Amino acid sequence: MKASGKWKRMRAKSKKVYPEVEYIEYDVAEMGEPCFIEPHVDNKSSVSMVAMLSAQGAYVGGRSCFRRSDGRRGHREMELLKGDVVLFRGEKLVHWITPVTAGKRVILQVELSRV
């Protein structure tokens, strides 16, 4: 498989990346209020990966959102199912999750960062 131009440029910037692995729970019962993440980028993360660990129906809300990268207005919003994995340019792509209003949303997040 050939790498696209953007991935090639990323590889050329740094040959070394450092992984940061996080197990993240958005638990409404524990927090006592809806849990969410505001729009942000992952500083210095060449590649970010989010893997859904929660079963469908384990929580309400918590949709993954990604701002369009082509300059047009709007964003892509998706519901990840257990086992789904999303890879994206964390340092470039603005992303967030909508409020988790009930239940517990659990993900495994990996960021490959350049230092």
N, C-alpha and C. Protein backbone atom coordinates (compact mmCIF):
# COMPACT_ATOMS: atom_id res chain seq x y z
N MET A 1 0.84 -1.17 0.00
CA MET A 1 0.00 0.00 0.00
C MET A 1 0.90 1.24 0.00
N LYS A 2 0.60 2.18 -0.87
CA LYS A 2 1.40 3.41 -0.95
C LYS A 2 0.90 4.43 0.07
N ALA A 3 1.85 5.13 0.68
CA ALA A 3 1.49 6.19 1.62
C ALA A 3 1.12 7.44 0.85
N SER A 4 0.07 8.12 1.31
CA SER A 4 -0.31 9.38 0.67
C SER A 4 0.72 10.45 1.00
N GLY A 5 0.66 11.57 0.28
CA GLY A 5 1.61 12.66 0.48
C GLY A 5 1.64 13.18 1.90
N LYS A 6 0.49 13.30 2.54
CA LYS A 6 0.44 13.82 3.91
C LYS A 6 1.15 12.89 4.89
N TRP A 7 0.95 11.59 4.74
CA TRP A 7 1.61 10.64 5.64
C TRP A 7 3.11 10.62 5.38
N LYS A 8 3.53 10.75 4.13
CA LYS A 8 4.96 10.80 3.81
C LYS A 8 5.62 12.01 4.46
N ARG A 9 4.95 13.18 4.40
CA ARG A 9 5.50 14.39 5.01
C ARG A 9 5.62 14.22 6.52
N MET A 10 4.65 13.56 7.13
CA MET A 10 4.70 13.33 8.57
C MET A 10 5.91 12.46 8.90
N ARG A 11 6.13 11.41 8.14
CA ARG A 11 7.24 10.50 8.38
C ARG A 11 8.58 11.22 8.23
N ALA A 12 8.65 12.15 7.28
CA ALA A 12 9.91 12.86 7.03
C ALA A 12 10.29 13.79 8.18
N LYS A 13 9.30 14.28 8.94
CA LYS A 13 9.58 15.22 10.03
C LYS A 13 10.35 14.56 11.17
N SER A 14 10.03 13.34 11.48
CA SER A 14 10.68 12.69 12.61
C SER A 14 10.59 11.18 12.45
N LYS A 15 11.70 10.53 12.66
CA LYS A 15 11.71 9.07 12.55
C LYS A 15 11.34 8.41 13.88
N LYS A 16 11.33 9.18 14.96
CA LYS A 16 11.02 8.63 16.28
C LYS A 16 9.71 9.21 16.80
N VAL A 17 8.87 8.32 17.31
CA VAL A 17 7.66 8.75 17.99
C VAL A 17 7.61 8.03 19.34
N TYR A 18 6.92 8.63 20.28
CA TYR A 18 6.83 8.09 21.62
C TYR A 18 5.36 7.83 21.93
N PRO A 19 5.01 6.59 22.27
CA PRO A 19 3.61 6.26 22.52
C PRO A 19 3.15 6.70 23.90
N GLU A 20 1.92 7.17 23.95
CA GLU A 20 1.24 7.44 25.21
C GLU A 20 -0.06 6.66 25.14
N VAL A 21 -0.25 5.73 26.06
CA VAL A 21 -1.43 4.87 26.05
C VAL A 21 -2.30 5.25 27.24
N GLU A 22 -3.59 5.47 26.97
CA GLU A 22 -4.52 5.86 28.04
C GLU A 22 -5.77 4.99 27.98
N TYR A 23 -6.20 4.52 29.14
CA TYR A 23 -7.49 3.84 29.31
C TYR A 23 -8.40 4.89 29.91
N ILE A 24 -9.45 5.28 29.19
CA ILE A 24 -10.28 6.42 29.62
C ILE A 24 -11.72 5.98 29.81
N GLU A 25 -12.28 6.31 30.98
CA GLU A 25 -13.69 6.04 31.28
C GLU A 25 -14.43 7.37 31.43
N TYR A 26 -15.53 7.48 30.73
CA TYR A 26 -16.45 8.61 30.91
C TYR A 26 -17.66 8.01 31.62
N ASP A 27 -17.69 8.10 32.95
CA ASP A 27 -18.70 7.43 33.78
C ASP A 27 -19.60 8.48 34.42
N VAL A 28 -20.83 8.56 33.93
CA VAL A 28 -21.77 9.58 34.41
C VAL A 28 -22.12 9.34 35.88
N ALA A 29 -22.31 8.09 36.30
CA ALA A 29 -22.66 7.80 37.69
C ALA A 29 -21.54 8.25 38.63
N GLU A 30 -20.30 8.02 38.24
CA GLU A 30 -19.16 8.41 39.08
C GLU A 30 -18.97 9.92 39.11
N MET A 31 -19.13 10.57 37.96
CA MET A 31 -18.91 12.02 37.87
C MET A 31 -20.11 12.81 38.39
N GLY A 32 -21.30 12.23 38.34
CA GLY A 32 -22.50 12.93 38.81
C GLY A 32 -23.03 13.95 37.82
N GLU A 33 -22.49 13.97 36.62
CA GLU A 33 -22.93 14.89 35.57
C GLU A 33 -22.47 14.35 34.21
N PRO A 34 -23.04 14.89 33.13
CA PRO A 34 -22.59 14.44 31.80
C PRO A 34 -21.08 14.66 31.62
N CYS A 35 -20.45 13.73 30.91
CA CYS A 35 -19.01 13.79 30.64
C CYS A 35 -18.80 14.10 29.16
N PHE A 36 -17.88 14.99 28.86
CA PHE A 36 -17.62 15.33 27.46
C PHE A 36 -16.20 15.86 27.32
N ILE A 37 -15.76 15.97 26.08
CA ILE A 37 -14.47 16.57 25.76
C ILE A 37 -14.73 17.67 24.75
N GLU A 38 -14.26 18.87 25.03
CA GLU A 38 -14.45 20.00 24.12
C GLU A 38 -13.53 19.87 22.91
N PRO A 39 -13.82 20.61 21.83
CA PRO A 39 -12.96 20.57 20.64
C PRO A 39 -11.51 20.90 20.98
N HIS A 40 -10.59 20.08 20.45
CA HIS A 40 -9.16 20.24 20.74
C HIS A 40 -8.34 19.49 19.70
N VAL A 41 -7.03 19.71 19.73
CA VAL A 41 -6.08 18.88 18.99
C VAL A 41 -5.17 18.22 20.02
N ASP A 42 -4.55 17.11 19.65
CA ASP A 42 -3.62 16.41 20.53
C ASP A 42 -2.22 16.94 20.24
N ASN A 43 -1.72 17.81 21.10
CA ASN A 43 -0.42 18.45 20.88
C ASN A 43 0.67 17.43 20.59
N LYS A 44 1.39 17.63 19.52
CA LYS A 44 2.55 16.82 19.11
C LYS A 44 2.22 15.37 18.77
N SER A 45 0.94 15.02 18.68
CA SER A 45 0.58 13.64 18.34
C SER A 45 0.51 13.47 16.83
N SER A 46 1.52 12.82 16.27
CA SER A 46 1.53 12.56 14.83
C SER A 46 0.32 11.73 14.44
N VAL A 47 0.06 10.70 15.22
CA VAL A 47 -1.09 9.83 14.98
C VAL A 47 -1.78 9.58 16.31
N SER A 48 -3.10 9.73 16.31
CA SER A 48 -3.90 9.39 17.48
C SER A 48 -4.82 8.24 17.10
N MET A 49 -5.03 7.33 18.04
CA MET A 49 -5.90 6.19 17.81
C MET A 49 -6.89 6.09 18.96
N VAL A 50 -8.15 5.89 18.63
CA VAL A 50 -9.18 5.67 19.64
C VAL A 50 -9.85 4.34 19.32
N ALA A 51 -9.88 3.44 20.31
CA ALA A 51 -10.54 2.14 20.16
C ALA A 51 -11.69 2.07 21.16
N MET A 52 -12.89 1.76 20.68
CA MET A 52 -14.06 1.67 21.55
C MET A 52 -14.07 0.33 22.28
N LEU A 53 -14.16 0.39 23.60
CA LEU A 53 -14.19 -0.82 24.43
C LEU A 53 -15.58 -1.10 24.98
N SER A 54 -16.47 -0.11 24.98
CA SER A 54 -17.82 -0.29 25.52
C SER A 54 -18.74 -0.96 24.51
N ALA A 55 -19.63 -1.79 25.05
CA ALA A 55 -20.64 -2.43 24.21
C ALA A 55 -21.71 -1.41 23.82
N GLN A 56 -22.34 -1.65 22.69
CA GLN A 56 -23.43 -0.78 22.26
C GLN A 56 -24.52 -0.82 23.34
N GLY A 57 -25.04 0.34 23.70
CA GLY A 57 -26.07 0.43 24.72
C GLY A 57 -25.54 0.63 26.13
N ALA A 58 -24.22 0.60 26.31
CA ALA A 58 -23.63 0.79 27.64
C ALA A 58 -23.64 2.25 28.07
N TYR A 59 -23.89 3.15 27.13
CA TYR A 59 -23.91 4.58 27.43
C TYR A 59 -24.79 5.29 26.41
N VAL A 60 -25.15 6.53 26.74
CA VAL A 60 -25.96 7.37 25.85
C VAL A 60 -25.15 8.60 25.52
N GLY A 61 -25.13 9.00 24.24
CA GLY A 61 -24.34 10.16 23.81
C GLY A 61 -22.94 9.72 23.45
N GLY A 62 -21.96 10.59 23.70
CA GLY A 62 -20.56 10.25 23.50
C GLY A 62 -20.17 9.95 22.06
N ARG A 63 -20.77 10.68 21.13
CA ARG A 63 -20.42 10.48 19.73
C ARG A 63 -19.10 11.18 19.43
N SER A 64 -18.27 10.54 18.62
CA SER A 64 -16.98 11.11 18.22
C SER A 64 -17.19 12.09 17.08
N CYS A 65 -16.62 13.28 17.21
CA CYS A 65 -16.80 14.33 16.21
C CYS A 65 -15.43 14.78 15.70
N PHE A 66 -15.38 15.05 14.39
CA PHE A 66 -14.14 15.48 13.75
C PHE A 66 -14.46 16.63 12.81
N ARG A 67 -13.77 17.76 13.00
CA ARG A 67 -13.96 18.92 12.12
C ARG A 67 -13.48 18.56 10.72
N ARG A 68 -14.16 19.06 9.72
CA ARG A 68 -13.76 18.82 8.33
C ARG A 68 -12.37 19.39 8.12
N SER A 69 -11.54 18.67 7.40
CA SER A 69 -10.17 19.13 7.16
C SER A 69 -10.00 19.75 5.78
N ASP A 70 -11.09 19.83 5.03
CA ASP A 70 -11.00 20.37 3.66
C ASP A 70 -11.35 21.84 3.58
N GLY A 71 -11.49 22.50 4.75
CA GLY A 71 -11.77 23.93 4.76
C GLY A 71 -13.25 24.27 4.72
N ARG A 72 -14.10 23.29 4.44
CA ARG A 72 -15.53 23.57 4.42
C ARG A 72 -16.08 23.54 5.84
N ARG A 73 -17.22 24.15 6.03
CA ARG A 73 -17.84 24.21 7.35
C ARG A 73 -18.43 22.85 7.71
N GLY A 74 -18.61 22.65 9.00
CA GLY A 74 -19.25 21.43 9.48
C GLY A 74 -18.26 20.43 10.03
N HIS A 75 -18.80 19.28 10.42
CA HIS A 75 -17.97 18.23 10.99
C HIS A 75 -18.59 16.87 10.72
N ARG A 76 -17.80 15.84 10.94
CA ARG A 76 -18.27 14.46 10.82
C ARG A 76 -18.51 13.95 12.24
N GLU A 77 -19.65 13.32 12.44
CA GLU A 77 -20.01 12.80 13.75
C GLU A 77 -20.32 11.32 13.60
N MET A 78 -19.75 10.49 14.48
CA MET A 78 -19.97 9.05 14.34
C MET A 78 -20.10 8.37 15.69
N GLU A 79 -20.90 7.31 15.68
CA GLU A 79 -21.03 6.47 16.86
C GLU A 79 -20.10 5.28 16.67
N LEU A 80 -19.13 5.14 17.55
CA LEU A 80 -18.22 4.01 17.48
C LEU A 80 -18.85 2.82 18.19
N LEU A 81 -18.74 1.65 17.58
CA LEU A 81 -19.23 0.42 18.18
C LEU A 81 -18.06 -0.34 18.79
N LYS A 82 -18.34 -1.25 19.72
CA LYS A 82 -17.28 -2.01 20.39
C LYS A 82 -16.38 -2.65 19.33
N GLY A 83 -15.08 -2.41 19.48
CA GLY A 83 -14.10 -2.95 18.54
C GLY A 83 -13.73 -2.00 17.42
N ASP A 84 -14.50 -0.92 17.22
CA ASP A 84 -14.16 0.07 16.19
C ASP A 84 -12.90 0.82 16.61
N VAL A 85 -12.08 1.15 15.63
CA VAL A 85 -10.85 1.91 15.86
C VAL A 85 -10.79 3.05 14.85
N VAL A 86 -10.43 4.23 15.32
CA VAL A 86 -10.27 5.40 14.46
C VAL A 86 -8.84 5.89 14.60
N LEU A 87 -8.17 6.11 13.47
CA LEU A 87 -6.82 6.69 13.43
C LEU A 87 -6.90 8.03 12.74
N PHE A 88 -6.22 9.03 13.28
CA PHE A 88 -6.25 10.36 12.68
C PHE A 88 -5.02 11.15 13.10
N ARG A 89 -4.78 12.24 12.39
CA ARG A 89 -3.67 13.15 12.71
C ARG A 89 -4.07 14.01 13.90
N GLY A 90 -3.74 13.56 15.09
CA GLY A 90 -4.16 14.23 16.31
C GLY A 90 -3.72 15.67 16.45
N GLU A 91 -2.51 16.00 15.95
CA GLU A 91 -1.99 17.36 16.08
C GLU A 91 -2.62 18.31 15.07
N LYS A 92 -3.32 17.78 14.08
CA LYS A 92 -3.88 18.60 13.00
C LYS A 92 -5.41 18.66 13.02
N LEU A 93 -6.06 17.55 13.38
CA LEU A 93 -7.50 17.45 13.23
C LEU A 93 -8.21 17.78 14.54
N VAL A 94 -9.05 18.81 14.52
CA VAL A 94 -9.84 19.19 15.70
C VAL A 94 -10.90 18.11 15.91
N HIS A 95 -11.00 17.62 17.15
CA HIS A 95 -11.94 16.55 17.46
C HIS A 95 -12.48 16.72 18.88
N TRP A 96 -13.60 16.05 19.17
CA TRP A 96 -14.25 16.14 20.47
C TRP A 96 -15.26 15.01 20.59
N ILE A 97 -15.86 14.87 21.79
CA ILE A 97 -16.99 13.95 21.93
C ILE A 97 -18.16 14.72 22.50
N THR A 98 -19.35 14.31 22.05
CA THR A 98 -20.58 14.91 22.58
C THR A 98 -20.79 14.39 24.00
N PRO A 99 -21.61 15.08 24.80
CA PRO A 99 -21.80 14.65 26.19
C PRO A 99 -22.31 13.21 26.31
N VAL A 100 -21.68 12.47 27.22
CA VAL A 100 -22.19 11.16 27.63
C VAL A 100 -23.18 11.47 28.73
N THR A 101 -24.46 11.19 28.50
CA THR A 101 -25.51 11.60 29.44
C THR A 101 -25.97 10.48 30.36
N ALA A 102 -25.60 9.24 30.05
CA ALA A 102 -25.95 8.10 30.91
C ALA A 102 -24.97 6.96 30.61
N GLY A 103 -24.70 6.16 31.65
CA GLY A 103 -23.85 4.99 31.47
C GLY A 103 -22.37 5.30 31.52
N LYS A 104 -21.58 4.36 30.96
CA LYS A 104 -20.12 4.49 31.00
C LYS A 104 -19.55 4.19 29.61
N ARG A 105 -18.83 5.17 29.07
CA ARG A 105 -18.14 5.04 27.77
C ARG A 105 -16.66 4.80 28.07
N VAL A 106 -16.11 3.70 27.53
CA VAL A 106 -14.72 3.33 27.81
C VAL A 106 -13.96 3.21 26.49
N ILE A 107 -12.80 3.86 26.43
CA ILE A 107 -11.96 3.79 25.23
C ILE A 107 -10.52 3.49 25.61
N LEU A 108 -9.78 3.02 24.63
CA LEU A 108 -8.33 2.95 24.72
C LEU A 108 -7.82 3.97 23.72
N GLN A 109 -7.02 4.90 24.20
CA GLN A 109 -6.49 5.95 23.33
C GLN A 109 -4.97 5.84 23.29
N VAL A 110 -4.42 5.88 22.09
CA VAL A 110 -2.97 5.85 21.91
C VAL A 110 -2.56 7.05 21.08
N GLU A 111 -1.60 7.81 21.57
CA GLU A 111 -1.04 8.93 20.82
C GLU A 111 0.43 8.63 20.54
N LEU A 112 0.83 8.74 19.29
CA LEU A 112 2.23 8.60 18.90
C LEU A 112 2.78 10.00 18.72
N SER A 113 3.55 10.46 19.69
CA SER A 113 3.98 11.85 19.75
C SER A 113 5.44 12.02 19.37
N ARG A 114 5.69 13.14 18.71
CA ARG A 114 7.07 13.56 18.43
C ARG A 114 7.48 14.53 19.52
N VAL A 115 8.69 14.40 20.00
CA VAL A 115 9.13 15.30 21.07
C VAL A 115 10.25 16.17 20.55
